[in-house]
Amino acid sequence: MEKSVTVLAFASLREAIGSDRVAMTVNGGSSAGELLSRVCAQYPAVAAYRKSLRIAVNGEYVDASASVAPGDEVALLPPVAGG
């Protein structure tokens, strides 16, 4: 059974996606890395950021192998430049 997760895009990723959030369907047992691959396929401009992105699921930073379940909120965070 497929259900959706909310993918939140911050900073420059908003422009790459064209929105600050999108809904993506996931199957049970999907990983954060698999979801990121699907986001990059659907929004090719995101691929330029892929290696430097941080991923958070439900407010907790995770690595690409972390599970993503229907109803989760997945944030994609590009590096932040400071001065």
N, C-alpha and C. Protein backbone atom coordinates (compact mmCIF):
# COMPACT_ATOMS: atom_id res chain seq x y z
N MET A 1 0.84 -1.18 0.00
CA MET A 1 0.00 0.00 0.00
C MET A 1 0.89 1.24 0.00
N GLU A 2 0.65 2.14 -0.93
CA GLU A 2 1.45 3.36 -1.02
C GLU A 2 0.75 4.50 -0.30
N LYS A 3 1.53 5.28 0.38
CA LYS A 3 1.05 6.50 1.03
C LYS A 3 2.12 7.55 0.84
N SER A 4 1.83 8.76 1.23
CA SER A 4 2.80 9.83 0.96
C SER A 4 3.54 10.30 2.20
N VAL A 5 4.70 10.89 1.93
CA VAL A 5 5.47 11.63 2.93
C VAL A 5 5.54 13.06 2.43
N THR A 6 5.76 13.99 3.33
CA THR A 6 5.95 15.38 2.96
C THR A 6 7.44 15.65 2.92
N VAL A 7 7.91 16.13 1.77
CA VAL A 7 9.32 16.49 1.62
C VAL A 7 9.40 18.01 1.71
N LEU A 8 10.15 18.49 2.69
CA LEU A 8 10.35 19.93 2.89
C LEU A 8 11.67 20.34 2.26
N ALA A 9 11.65 21.43 1.50
CA ALA A 9 12.85 21.93 0.84
C ALA A 9 13.22 23.29 1.44
N PHE A 10 14.47 23.45 1.81
CA PHE A 10 14.94 24.68 2.43
C PHE A 10 15.95 25.39 1.54
N ALA A 11 16.05 26.69 1.73
CA ALA A 11 17.03 27.55 1.06
C ALA A 11 16.99 27.35 -0.45
N SER A 12 18.14 27.11 -1.06
CA SER A 12 18.23 27.02 -2.51
C SER A 12 17.44 25.85 -3.09
N LEU A 13 17.13 24.87 -2.27
CA LEU A 13 16.34 23.74 -2.77
C LEU A 13 14.91 24.15 -3.11
N ARG A 14 14.41 25.18 -2.43
CA ARG A 14 13.06 25.67 -2.76
C ARG A 14 12.99 26.05 -4.23
N GLU A 15 14.01 26.78 -4.70
CA GLU A 15 14.04 27.17 -6.11
C GLU A 15 14.20 25.96 -7.01
N ALA A 16 15.03 25.02 -6.62
CA ALA A 16 15.28 23.83 -7.43
C ALA A 16 14.00 23.00 -7.61
N ILE A 17 13.17 22.97 -6.57
CA ILE A 17 11.94 22.20 -6.61
C ILE A 17 10.76 23.05 -7.07
N GLY A 18 10.85 24.35 -6.81
CA GLY A 18 9.75 25.24 -7.19
C GLY A 18 8.69 25.36 -6.11
N SER A 19 8.99 24.87 -4.92
CA SER A 19 8.06 24.91 -3.80
C SER A 19 8.83 24.61 -2.52
N ASP A 20 8.24 24.96 -1.38
CA ASP A 20 8.91 24.63 -0.12
C ASP A 20 8.53 23.25 0.40
N ARG A 21 7.57 22.59 -0.28
CA ARG A 21 7.18 21.23 0.13
C ARG A 21 6.50 20.51 -1.02
N VAL A 22 6.71 19.21 -1.08
CA VAL A 22 6.05 18.36 -2.06
C VAL A 22 5.67 17.06 -1.37
N ALA A 23 4.63 16.43 -1.87
CA ALA A 23 4.23 15.11 -1.38
C ALA A 23 4.80 14.06 -2.31
N MET A 24 5.40 13.03 -1.75
CA MET A 24 5.95 11.92 -2.52
C MET A 24 5.39 10.62 -1.94
N THR A 25 5.03 9.70 -2.81
CA THR A 25 4.54 8.42 -2.32
C THR A 25 5.72 7.52 -1.96
N VAL A 26 5.52 6.72 -0.93
CA VAL A 26 6.55 5.76 -0.51
C VAL A 26 5.88 4.43 -0.23
N ASN A 27 6.65 3.38 -0.39
CA ASN A 27 6.22 2.05 0.02
C ASN A 27 6.81 1.78 1.39
N GLY A 28 6.21 0.88 2.12
CA GLY A 28 6.80 0.50 3.41
C GLY A 28 8.21 -0.01 3.18
N GLY A 29 9.14 0.37 4.03
CA GLY A 29 10.51 -0.08 3.91
C GLY A 29 11.39 0.80 3.03
N SER A 30 10.89 1.94 2.58
CA SER A 30 11.71 2.86 1.79
C SER A 30 12.75 3.51 2.69
N SER A 31 13.90 3.85 2.09
CA SER A 31 14.94 4.53 2.86
C SER A 31 14.99 6.01 2.45
N ALA A 32 15.63 6.80 3.29
CA ALA A 32 15.78 8.22 3.00
C ALA A 32 16.57 8.41 1.71
N GLY A 33 17.57 7.57 1.46
CA GLY A 33 18.36 7.64 0.24
C GLY A 33 17.53 7.34 -1.00
N GLU A 34 16.65 6.34 -0.90
CA GLU A 34 15.77 6.01 -2.03
C GLU A 34 14.83 7.17 -2.32
N LEU A 35 14.30 7.76 -1.27
CA LEU A 35 13.41 8.91 -1.45
C LEU A 35 14.18 10.07 -2.10
N LEU A 36 15.40 10.32 -1.64
CA LEU A 36 16.21 11.39 -2.23
C LEU A 36 16.46 11.11 -3.71
N SER A 37 16.72 9.87 -4.07
CA SER A 37 16.91 9.51 -5.48
C SER A 37 15.67 9.83 -6.29
N ARG A 38 14.51 9.56 -5.75
CA ARG A 38 13.26 9.86 -6.45
C ARG A 38 13.05 11.37 -6.58
N VAL A 39 13.40 12.12 -5.54
CA VAL A 39 13.29 13.58 -5.61
C VAL A 39 14.23 14.10 -6.71
N CYS A 40 15.46 13.59 -6.76
CA CYS A 40 16.42 14.02 -7.79
C CYS A 40 15.93 13.66 -9.19
N ALA A 41 15.29 12.52 -9.33
CA ALA A 41 14.76 12.12 -10.65
C ALA A 41 13.63 13.03 -11.09
N GLN A 42 12.77 13.39 -10.14
CA GLN A 42 11.62 14.24 -10.46
C GLN A 42 12.01 15.71 -10.61
N TYR A 43 13.01 16.13 -9.84
CA TYR A 43 13.48 17.52 -9.85
C TYR A 43 14.99 17.51 -10.09
N PRO A 44 15.43 17.41 -11.35
CA PRO A 44 16.85 17.24 -11.66
C PRO A 44 17.77 18.30 -11.07
N ALA A 45 17.30 19.51 -10.84
CA ALA A 45 18.14 20.56 -10.26
C ALA A 45 18.60 20.21 -8.85
N VAL A 46 17.88 19.34 -8.17
CA VAL A 46 18.26 18.94 -6.81
C VAL A 46 19.53 18.08 -6.83
N ALA A 47 19.76 17.36 -7.91
CA ALA A 47 20.92 16.47 -8.00
C ALA A 47 22.24 17.19 -7.77
N ALA A 48 22.32 18.46 -8.14
CA ALA A 48 23.55 19.23 -7.93
C ALA A 48 23.89 19.37 -6.45
N TYR A 49 22.90 19.26 -5.59
CA TYR A 49 23.10 19.41 -4.14
C TYR A 49 23.24 18.07 -3.42
N ARG A 50 22.97 16.99 -4.11
CA ARG A 50 22.81 15.68 -3.47
C ARG A 50 23.93 15.31 -2.50
N LYS A 51 25.18 15.48 -2.90
CA LYS A 51 26.30 15.04 -2.05
C LYS A 51 26.47 15.86 -0.78
N SER A 52 25.92 17.07 -0.76
CA SER A 52 26.12 17.93 0.41
C SER A 52 24.85 18.10 1.24
N LEU A 53 23.77 17.45 0.87
CA LEU A 53 22.51 17.60 1.61
C LEU A 53 22.54 16.87 2.94
N ARG A 54 21.85 17.45 3.91
CA ARG A 54 21.54 16.74 5.15
C ARG A 54 20.07 16.34 5.06
N ILE A 55 19.74 15.22 5.62
CA ILE A 55 18.37 14.73 5.61
C ILE A 55 17.89 14.60 7.05
N ALA A 56 16.69 15.08 7.31
CA ALA A 56 16.08 14.91 8.63
C ALA A 56 14.71 14.27 8.42
N VAL A 57 14.40 13.29 9.26
CA VAL A 57 13.09 12.64 9.23
C VAL A 57 12.42 12.94 10.56
N ASN A 58 11.28 13.59 10.47
CA ASN A 58 10.51 13.97 11.67
C ASN A 58 11.38 14.74 12.67
N GLY A 59 12.21 15.65 12.14
CA GLY A 59 12.99 16.53 12.99
C GLY A 59 14.31 15.96 13.49
N GLU A 60 14.66 14.74 13.09
CA GLU A 60 15.91 14.12 13.53
C GLU A 60 16.81 13.89 12.32
N TYR A 61 18.07 14.35 12.40
CA TYR A 61 19.01 14.08 11.31
C TYR A 61 19.24 12.58 11.18
N VAL A 62 19.26 12.11 9.93
CA VAL A 62 19.44 10.68 9.67
C VAL A 62 20.43 10.51 8.52
N ASP A 63 20.90 9.27 8.34
CA ASP A 63 21.71 8.99 7.16
C ASP A 63 20.80 8.36 6.09
N ALA A 64 21.37 8.12 4.93
CA ALA A 64 20.59 7.66 3.78
C ALA A 64 19.93 6.31 3.99
N SER A 65 20.42 5.51 4.92
CA SER A 65 19.85 4.18 5.13
C SER A 65 18.64 4.19 6.07
N ALA A 66 18.34 5.32 6.68
CA ALA A 66 17.22 5.40 7.62
C ALA A 66 15.90 5.13 6.92
N SER A 67 14.99 4.48 7.62
CA SER A 67 13.67 4.18 7.07
C SER A 67 12.79 5.41 7.00
N VAL A 68 11.97 5.45 5.95
CA VAL A 68 10.99 6.50 5.78
C VAL A 68 9.64 5.81 5.63
N ALA A 69 8.66 6.25 6.42
CA ALA A 69 7.35 5.61 6.43
C ALA A 69 6.26 6.61 6.03
N PRO A 70 5.15 6.11 5.53
CA PRO A 70 4.03 7.00 5.20
C PRO A 70 3.69 7.90 6.39
N GLY A 71 3.45 9.18 6.09
CA GLY A 71 3.11 10.15 7.12
C GLY A 71 4.32 10.90 7.67
N ASP A 72 5.54 10.42 7.37
CA ASP A 72 6.75 11.10 7.85
C ASP A 72 6.92 12.45 7.16
N GLU A 73 7.68 13.31 7.81
CA GLU A 73 8.07 14.60 7.25
C GLU A 73 9.59 14.53 7.05
N VAL A 74 10.01 14.66 5.80
CA VAL A 74 11.42 14.53 5.44
C VAL A 74 11.92 15.90 4.98
N ALA A 75 12.92 16.43 5.69
CA ALA A 75 13.49 17.72 5.35
C ALA A 75 14.81 17.52 4.62
N LEU A 76 14.97 18.27 3.52
CA LEU A 76 16.23 18.28 2.77
C LEU A 76 16.89 19.62 3.02
N LEU A 77 18.09 19.56 3.59
CA LEU A 77 18.77 20.78 4.02
C LEU A 77 20.12 20.91 3.31
N PRO A 78 20.26 21.94 2.47
CA PRO A 78 21.55 22.17 1.83
C PRO A 78 22.52 22.79 2.84
N PRO A 79 23.81 22.81 2.50
CA PRO A 79 24.76 23.44 3.41
C PRO A 79 24.43 24.93 3.57
N VAL A 80 24.73 25.43 4.74
CA VAL A 80 24.45 26.85 5.03
C VAL A 80 25.78 27.60 5.01
N ALA A 81 25.83 28.65 4.23
CA ALA A 81 27.03 29.49 4.19
C ALA A 81 26.92 30.54 5.29
N GLY A 82 27.99 30.80 5.94
CA GLY A 82 27.98 31.80 7.01
C GLY A 82 29.10 32.80 6.81
N GLY A 83 29.04 33.82 7.63
CA GLY A 83 30.10 34.81 7.47
C GLY A 83 30.61 35.33 8.75
